[in-house]
Amino acid sequence: MTVTVGQSDELANATESTDIAVSVAGVDGDAVGVSIVVSDSNNNSTAPINATLSQVAGVWTAAPDVSALSAGQLTVTATVTDD
């Protein structure tokens, strides 16, 4: 499984913080869901959001709002629910 933040979103400012693109590839075909959480260095995190299966087989996408998180490096965690 590979989690990717859109290249144009790897360095975002406050204006862009509500429009971040995250994709998760290499997910088993029988997965029934993917949940994304983004956290900052102060242990704040977004609420889990459900990713959507895209037209590309096995790729799930989400657009988390990270505006409430502290500036700096963020960590993206993906959880897959298998059938």
C-alpha atoms as a PDB file:
ATOM      1  CA  MET A   1       0.000   0.000   0.000  1.00  0.00           C
ATOM      2  CA  THR A   2       1.298   3.457  -0.904  1.00  0.00           C
ATOM      3  CA  VAL A   3      -0.003   6.741   0.514  1.00  0.00           C
ATOM      4  CA  THR A   4       0.733   9.782  -1.652  1.00  0.00           C
ATOM      5  CA  VAL A   5       0.093  13.472  -1.068  1.00  0.00           C
ATOM      6  CA  GLY A   6      -0.475  15.358  -4.326  1.00  0.00           C
ATOM      7  CA  GLN A   7       2.807  16.889  -5.488  1.00  0.00           C
ATOM      8  CA  SER A   8       1.356  20.394  -5.518  1.00  0.00           C
ATOM      9  CA  ASP A   9       0.215  19.826  -1.896  1.00  0.00           C
ATOM     10  CA  GLU A  10       3.538  18.677  -0.414  1.00  0.00           C
ATOM     11  CA  LEU A  11       4.177  22.262   0.680  1.00  0.00           C
ATOM     12  CA  ALA A  12       0.922  24.048   1.470  1.00  0.00           C
ATOM     13  CA  ASN A  13       0.054  27.350   3.084  1.00  0.00           C
ATOM     14  CA  ALA A  14      -2.998  28.297   5.138  1.00  0.00           C
ATOM     15  CA  THR A  15      -5.035  29.103   2.016  1.00  0.00           C
ATOM     16  CA  GLU A  16      -4.381  25.640   0.551  1.00  0.00           C
ATOM     17  CA  SER A  17      -4.905  23.762   3.838  1.00  0.00           C
ATOM     18  CA  THR A  18      -8.534  22.974   3.012  1.00  0.00           C
ATOM     19  CA  ASP A  19      -7.666  21.524  -0.409  1.00  0.00           C
ATOM     20  CA  ILE A  20      -5.072  18.764   0.109  1.00  0.00           C
ATOM     21  CA  ALA A  21      -5.190  15.684  -2.156  1.00  0.00           C
ATOM     22  CA  VAL A  22      -4.281  12.274  -0.724  1.00  0.00           C
ATOM     23  CA  SER A  23      -4.342   9.000  -2.647  1.00  0.00           C
ATOM     24  CA  VAL A  24      -3.870   5.443  -1.421  1.00  0.00           C
ATOM     25  CA  ALA A  25      -2.776   2.862  -4.010  1.00  0.00           C
ATOM     26  CA  GLY A  26      -2.101  -0.841  -3.893  1.00  0.00           C
ATOM     27  CA  VAL A  27      -5.199  -1.614  -1.836  1.00  0.00           C
ATOM     28  CA  ASP A  28      -6.614  -5.137  -2.133  1.00  0.00           C
ATOM     29  CA  GLY A  29      -9.501  -5.399  -4.571  1.00  0.00           C
ATOM     30  CA  ASP A  30     -11.810  -6.734  -1.862  1.00  0.00           C
ATOM     31  CA  ALA A  31     -11.275  -3.751   0.455  1.00  0.00           C
ATOM     32  CA  VAL A  32     -14.537  -2.182   1.561  1.00  0.00           C
ATOM     33  CA  GLY A  33     -13.147   1.098   2.853  1.00  0.00           C
ATOM     34  CA  VAL A  34     -10.134   3.313   3.461  1.00  0.00           C
ATOM     35  CA  SER A  35     -10.000   5.885   6.246  1.00  0.00           C
ATOM     36  CA  ILE A  36      -7.478   8.764   6.318  1.00  0.00           C
ATOM     37  CA  VAL A  37      -6.228  10.654   9.402  1.00  0.00           C
ATOM     38  CA  VAL A  38      -3.694  13.499   9.277  1.00  0.00           C
ATOM     39  CA  SER A  39      -1.792  14.477  12.412  1.00  0.00           C
ATOM     40  CA  ASP A  40       0.701  17.184  13.349  1.00  0.00           C
ATOM     41  CA  SER A  41       3.783  17.210  15.601  1.00  0.00           C
ATOM     42  CA  ASN A  42       1.665  18.365  18.576  1.00  0.00           C
ATOM     43  CA  ASN A  43      -0.496  15.186  18.464  1.00  0.00           C
ATOM     44  CA  ASN A  44      -3.490  17.035  16.996  1.00  0.00           C
ATOM     45  CA  SER A  45      -5.299  15.181  14.239  1.00  0.00           C
ATOM     46  CA  THR A  46      -8.170  15.413  11.817  1.00  0.00           C
ATOM     47  CA  ALA A  47     -11.228  13.286  12.358  1.00  0.00           C
ATOM     48  CA  PRO A  48     -11.030  10.125  10.234  1.00  0.00           C
ATOM     49  CA  ILE A  49     -12.424  10.735   6.750  1.00  0.00           C
ATOM     50  CA  ASN A  50     -13.513   8.056   4.343  1.00  0.00           C
ATOM     51  CA  ALA A  51     -11.646   7.910   1.060  1.00  0.00           C
ATOM     52  CA  THR A  52     -13.509   7.298  -2.193  1.00  0.00           C
ATOM     53  CA  LEU A  53     -12.606   4.547  -4.656  1.00  0.00           C
ATOM     54  CA  SER A  54     -11.519   6.274  -7.866  1.00  0.00           C
ATOM     55  CA  GLN A  55     -11.918   5.105 -11.448  1.00  0.00           C
ATOM     56  CA  VAL A  56      -8.370   3.702 -11.289  1.00  0.00           C
ATOM     57  CA  ALA A  57      -8.506   0.176  -9.850  1.00  0.00           C
ATOM     58  CA  GLY A  58      -7.255  -0.007  -6.287  1.00  0.00           C
ATOM     59  CA  VAL A  59      -6.732   3.747  -5.815  1.00  0.00           C
ATOM     60  CA  TRP A  60      -8.665   5.539  -3.095  1.00  0.00           C
ATOM     61  CA  THR A  61      -8.687   9.344  -2.805  1.00  0.00           C
ATOM     62  CA  ALA A  62      -9.512  11.846  -0.071  1.00  0.00           C
ATOM     63  CA  ALA A  63      -9.247  15.591   0.528  1.00  0.00           C
ATOM     64  CA  PRO A  64      -8.658  16.154   4.254  1.00  0.00           C
ATOM     65  CA  ASP A  65      -9.004  19.649   5.720  1.00  0.00           C
ATOM     66  CA  VAL A  66      -5.780  20.239   7.677  1.00  0.00           C
ATOM     67  CA  SER A  67      -6.448  23.902   8.515  1.00  0.00           C
ATOM     68  CA  ALA A  68      -6.855  23.185  12.258  1.00  0.00           C
ATOM     69  CA  LEU A  69      -3.460  21.461  12.507  1.00  0.00           C
ATOM     70  CA  SER A  70      -0.202  23.131  13.531  1.00  0.00           C
ATOM     71  CA  ALA A  71       2.159  24.392  10.847  1.00  0.00           C
ATOM     72  CA  GLY A  72       5.028  22.060  10.040  1.00  0.00           C
ATOM     73  CA  GLN A  73       5.421  18.431   9.084  1.00  0.00           C
ATOM     74  CA  LEU A  74       2.201  16.400   8.966  1.00  0.00           C
ATOM     75  CA  THR A  75       1.754  12.622   9.065  1.00  0.00           C
ATOM     76  CA  VAL A  76      -0.864  10.838   6.952  1.00  0.00           C
ATOM     77  CA  THR A  77      -2.204   7.493   8.209  1.00  0.00           C
ATOM     78  CA  ALA A  78      -4.431   5.251   6.120  1.00  0.00           C
ATOM     79  CA  THR A  79      -6.474   2.379   7.547  1.00  0.00           C
ATOM     80  CA  VAL A  80      -7.918  -0.207   5.162  1.00  0.00           C
ATOM     81  CA  THR A  81     -11.027  -2.204   6.023  1.00  0.00           C
ATOM     82  CA  ASP A  82     -10.926  -5.550   4.256  1.00  0.00           C
ATOM     83  CA  ASP A  83     -13.897  -7.720   3.336  1.00  0.00           C
END
